[in-house]
Protein backbone atom coordinates (compact mmCIF):
# COMPACT_ATOMS: atom_id res chain seq x y z
CA MET A 1 0.00 0.00 0.00
CA THR A 2 1.63 3.18 -1.15
CA THR A 3 -1.38 5.52 -1.35
CA TRP A 4 -3.54 6.98 1.39
CA VAL A 5 -6.43 9.35 2.12
CA PHE A 6 -7.31 11.34 5.26
CA VAL A 7 -11.10 11.69 5.41
CA THR A 8 -13.99 12.37 7.79
CA ALA A 9 -17.74 11.99 7.62
CA HIS A 10 -18.38 14.84 10.07
CA ASN A 11 -20.23 18.04 9.15
CA PRO A 12 -20.82 17.47 5.42
CA ARG A 13 -20.56 20.57 3.24
CA SER A 14 -19.14 22.38 6.31
CA VAL A 15 -22.58 22.52 7.94
CA PRO A 16 -22.44 21.65 11.65
CA ARG A 17 -24.54 18.62 12.60
CA SER A 18 -25.45 17.04 15.91
CA ALA A 19 -22.95 14.80 17.64
CA ALA A 20 -25.27 11.83 17.10
CA ASP A 21 -25.54 12.47 13.34
CA ASN A 22 -21.78 12.90 13.03
CA GLU A 23 -21.06 9.72 15.01
CA SER A 24 -23.51 7.75 12.88
CA ALA A 25 -21.95 9.02 9.65
CA GLN A 26 -18.45 8.30 10.94
CA GLY A 27 -19.53 4.74 11.75
CA GLN A 28 -20.80 4.38 8.18
CA LEU A 29 -17.46 5.66 6.86
CA GLU A 30 -15.59 3.09 8.96
CA ALA A 31 -17.89 0.33 7.72
CA THR A 32 -17.31 1.41 4.11
CA VAL A 33 -13.53 1.41 4.60
CA ARG A 34 -13.62 -2.01 6.27
CA SER A 35 -15.76 -3.43 3.46
CA GLN A 36 -13.01 -2.47 1.00
CA GLY A 37 -10.41 -4.28 3.09
CA TRP A 38 -8.38 -1.11 3.69
CA VAL A 39 -6.34 -0.61 6.84
CA PHE A 40 -7.12 2.61 8.70
CA PHE A 41 -6.05 4.61 11.72
CA GLN A 42 -8.21 7.03 13.68
CA GLY A 43 -7.15 10.63 14.13
CA TYR A 44 -8.49 14.18 14.12
CA GLY A 45 -8.65 16.88 11.48
CA LEU A 46 -7.83 20.31 12.87
CA GLY A 47 -8.64 23.59 11.20
CA GLN A 48 -6.40 26.63 11.36
CA GLY A 49 -7.09 29.18 14.05
CA GLY A 50 -9.25 26.89 16.21
CA ALA A 51 -12.56 28.30 14.92
CA TRP A 52 -13.77 24.84 13.85
CA PRO A 53 -13.82 21.95 16.33
CA PRO A 54 -11.50 18.96 15.71
CA GLU A 55 -13.22 16.31 13.60
CA PRO A 56 -12.63 12.60 14.07
CA SER A 57 -11.06 11.37 10.84
CA LEU A 58 -9.52 8.27 9.30
CA LEU A 59 -6.12 7.81 7.70
CA VAL A 60 -6.95 5.08 5.18
CA LEU A 61 -4.14 3.14 3.53
CA GLY A 62 -4.64 1.88 -0.01
CA PRO A 63 -7.21 3.93 -1.90
CA GLY A 64 -6.12 5.68 -5.08
CA VAL A 65 -7.13 9.21 -6.01
CA GLU A 66 -10.46 8.27 -7.60
CA GLN A 67 -11.38 6.00 -4.69
CA ALA A 68 -10.45 8.82 -2.30
CA ARG A 69 -12.64 11.22 -4.27
CA ASP A 70 -15.51 8.70 -4.15
CA LEU A 71 -15.16 8.40 -0.36
CA GLY A 72 -15.17 12.15 0.11
CA ARG A 73 -18.16 12.63 -2.17
CA SER A 74 -20.09 9.79 -0.53
CA PHE A 75 -19.81 11.53 2.82
CA GLY A 76 -20.46 15.07 1.59
CA GLN A 77 -16.96 16.45 2.05
CA ALA A 78 -15.62 19.46 0.15
CA ALA A 79 -12.10 17.99 0.09
CA VAL A 80 -9.91 15.19 1.46
CA VAL A 81 -6.16 14.95 1.88
CA VAL A 82 -4.35 12.38 -0.28
CA GLY A 83 -0.78 11.24 -0.71
CA GLU A 84 1.68 8.56 -1.71
CA LEU A 85 4.44 6.95 0.29
CA GLY A 86 7.44 9.28 0.17
CA GLY A 87 5.47 12.08 -1.49
CA GLN A 88 3.81 15.25 -0.31
CA ALA A 89 0.26 15.39 0.97
CA ARG A 90 -2.19 17.38 -1.14
CA LEU A 91 -5.74 18.59 -0.86
CA LEU A 92 -8.10 16.86 -3.27
CA TRP A 93 -11.26 18.87 -3.92
CA MET A 94 -14.42 16.91 -4.63
CA GLU A 95 -15.44 19.32 -7.39
CA GLU A 96 -12.77 19.21 -10.04
CA GLY A 97 -11.28 22.64 -10.61
CA ALA A 98 -12.47 23.86 -7.19
CA ASP A 99 -9.83 25.67 -5.19
CA PRO A 100 -11.15 28.36 -2.86
CA CYS A 101 -7.64 29.40 -1.77
């Protein structure tokens, strides 16, 4: 496994949801990842400046870019972080050509 994605199911489209809704969606994300046979590690995504609460996230080993995009889209995310072993991490926007920075 040389590719990876860092993804969450919390707060789709950057709209805050209840803790129960976020936990349910995160459980569905974990089930999806397990069903693909991918190894994952739990962590947290942190925004800059502390204005957004940390979001439980998964570092998933194995998915390629298109699989990472599918995961992000399936759980309503604007972007995920992807990378390859020995390479740099990069933000992968779900809408191709999107780059709000």
